[in-house]
Protein backbone atom coordinates (compact mmCIF):
# COMPACT_ATOMS: atom_id res chain seq x y z
CA MET A 1 -17.80 3.21 1.15
CA ALA A 2 -16.64 -0.30 0.32
CA LEU A 3 -13.24 1.03 -0.83
CA TYR A 4 -12.51 2.50 2.58
CA SER A 5 -13.55 -0.53 4.56
CA THR A 6 -11.43 -2.71 2.28
CA LEU A 7 -8.42 -0.43 2.73
CA SER A 8 -8.74 -0.23 6.50
CA ASP A 9 -9.31 -4.01 6.77
CA LEU A 10 -6.25 -4.76 4.60
CA SER A 11 -3.99 -2.33 6.40
CA THR A 12 -5.13 -3.51 9.83
CA ARG A 13 -4.64 -7.19 9.00
CA ILE A 14 -1.15 -6.58 7.59
CA ARG A 15 -0.14 -4.41 10.54
CA ASN A 16 -1.45 -6.91 13.12
CA GLY A 17 0.12 -9.85 11.25
CA GLN A 18 3.52 -8.15 11.21
CA LYS A 19 3.30 -7.29 14.91
CA SER A 20 2.43 -10.86 15.87
CA ARG A 21 5.18 -12.27 13.58
CA LYS A 22 2.83 -14.28 11.37
CA LEU A 23 4.16 -15.66 8.12
CA GLU A 24 0.77 -15.74 6.37
CA ILE A 25 -2.51 -13.84 6.78
CA LEU A 26 -5.88 -14.05 5.06
CA VAL A 27 -7.86 -11.16 3.61
CA LYS A 28 -11.10 -10.93 1.63
CA LYS A 29 -10.72 -11.16 -2.14
CA THR A 30 -11.55 -7.95 -4.02
CA GLN A 31 -10.13 -6.32 -7.15
CA LYS A 32 -8.80 -3.36 -5.13
CA THR A 33 -7.01 -5.71 -2.72
CA ILE A 34 -5.41 -7.62 -5.59
CA SER A 35 -4.22 -4.37 -7.21
CA ILE A 36 -2.73 -3.10 -3.95
CA LEU A 37 -1.02 -6.46 -3.31
CA LYS A 38 0.54 -6.32 -6.80
CA VAL A 39 2.08 -2.95 -5.95
CA LEU A 40 3.31 -4.17 -2.52
CA LYS A 41 4.87 -7.26 -4.15
CA ASN A 42 6.56 -5.24 -6.92
CA GLU A 43 8.00 -2.81 -4.38
CA GLY A 44 9.30 -5.62 -2.13
CA PHE A 45 7.13 -5.12 0.94
CA ILE A 46 5.60 -8.65 0.87
CA ARG A 47 6.95 -12.02 -0.29
CA GLY A 48 3.86 -12.79 -2.34
CA TYR A 49 0.21 -13.74 -2.26
CA ASN A 50 -2.00 -16.64 -3.32
CA ILE A 51 -5.54 -16.03 -4.62
CA ASN A 52 -8.19 -18.55 -3.54
CA GLU A 53 -11.91 -18.58 -4.33
CA LYS A 54 -13.07 -16.25 -1.54
CA ASN A 55 -9.90 -14.96 0.09
CA ILE A 56 -6.24 -14.15 -0.49
CA SER A 57 -3.29 -15.55 1.48
CA ILE A 58 -0.60 -12.86 1.93
CA PHE A 59 2.95 -14.02 2.72
CA LEU A 60 4.54 -11.38 4.95
CA LYS A 61 8.20 -10.43 4.68
CA TYR A 62 10.77 -10.00 7.45
CA PHE A 63 14.35 -8.76 7.28
CA THR A 64 16.81 -9.63 10.05
CA ASP A 65 13.89 -10.77 12.19
CA LYS A 66 12.13 -7.37 11.89
CA PRO A 67 8.97 -6.68 9.89
CA VAL A 68 9.53 -5.00 6.55
CA ILE A 69 6.27 -3.02 6.89
CA THR A 70 6.39 -0.96 10.10
CA THR A 71 3.52 1.37 9.22
CA ILE A 72 0.69 0.93 6.78
CA GLU A 73 -2.26 3.31 6.97
CA PRO A 74 -5.02 4.65 4.79
CA VAL A 75 -4.50 8.31 3.87
CA SER A 76 -7.93 9.13 2.47
CA THR A 77 -10.93 8.66 4.65
CA TYR A 78 -14.59 8.49 3.74
CA ASN A 79 -15.05 12.28 3.95
CA THR A 80 -11.66 13.62 2.91
CA ASN A 81 -10.03 12.58 -0.34
CA LYS A 82 -6.39 13.52 -0.92
CA TYR A 83 -5.89 14.15 -4.63
CA ILE A 84 -2.41 15.07 -5.74
CA SER A 85 -0.82 16.18 -9.00
CA VAL A 86 2.45 14.77 -10.32
CA LYS A 87 4.27 18.02 -9.47
CA ASN A 88 3.06 17.91 -5.85
CA LEU A 89 3.83 14.19 -5.65
CA ILE A 90 7.46 14.82 -6.58
CA GLN A 91 7.67 17.46 -3.85
CA LEU A 92 6.07 15.11 -1.33
CA LYS A 93 8.58 12.37 -2.21
CA GLU A 94 11.46 14.78 -1.63
CA LEU A 95 10.12 15.58 1.83
CA THR A 96 9.71 11.91 2.75
CA LYS A 97 13.22 11.09 1.51
CA LYS A 98 14.64 13.53 4.05
CA SER A 99 12.55 12.27 6.96
CA ASN A 100 12.62 8.49 6.25
CA GLN A 101 16.03 8.05 4.61
CA GLY A 102 14.31 7.42 1.26
CA LEU A 103 12.12 4.63 2.59
CA GLY A 104 8.38 4.69 2.23
CA LEU A 105 5.78 4.41 -0.42
CA PHE A 106 2.48 6.05 -1.36
CA ILE A 107 -0.10 3.98 -3.20
CA LEU A 108 -2.33 6.02 -5.54
CA SER A 109 -5.59 5.29 -7.26
CA THR A 110 -5.23 6.86 -10.73
CA SER A 111 -7.29 6.91 -13.90
CA LYS A 112 -5.12 4.06 -15.24
CA GLY A 113 -5.38 1.88 -12.13
CA ILE A 114 -3.63 1.57 -8.76
CA PHE A 115 0.05 2.59 -8.91
CA SER A 116 2.89 3.26 -6.54
CA ASP A 117 4.20 6.82 -6.35
CA TYR A 118 7.22 5.86 -8.48
CA GLU A 119 5.06 4.37 -11.21
CA SER A 120 2.70 7.36 -11.27
CA ILE A 121 5.63 9.76 -11.58
CA LYS A 122 7.01 7.66 -14.41
CA GLU A 123 3.59 7.57 -16.12
CA ASN A 124 3.15 11.31 -15.39
CA ILE A 125 -0.31 10.99 -13.85
CA GLY A 126 -1.64 12.10 -10.48
CA GLY A 127 -4.45 10.63 -8.47
CA GLN A 128 -5.90 9.96 -5.06
CA ILE A 129 -3.48 8.83 -2.35
CA ILE A 130 -5.05 5.80 -0.69
CA LEU A 131 -2.28 4.16 1.37
CA ARG A 132 1.03 5.14 3.01
CA VAL A 133 3.54 2.36 3.66
CA LEU A 134 6.75 2.66 5.72
């Protein structure tokens, strides 16, 4: 259950920080949070992060005075896990390209670690969808 509370806490803090135009927010330090932040940084959704002893400072990103992250939400909940194969992930990406003009990202927990949807397609592995970012 710790995974889900970490995901919901991270997504809520980022969403609220973006809405209130904060430049920096603090979240609790966990390995899952660090892995997710690496993916968000590599995909260009945040400026960066700084790891302290007990917490992480996340530097939020804005473009033309608008938040880069408009929606961030956990996909899997405590009772329902959304596992997806690579074939289905490619189909899902095609559907989101049409509806979001190619913007958006799914973050997956795979057997090799936490990857973005692009990385998991490149590595040819499926997994559990944990976050959706727009």
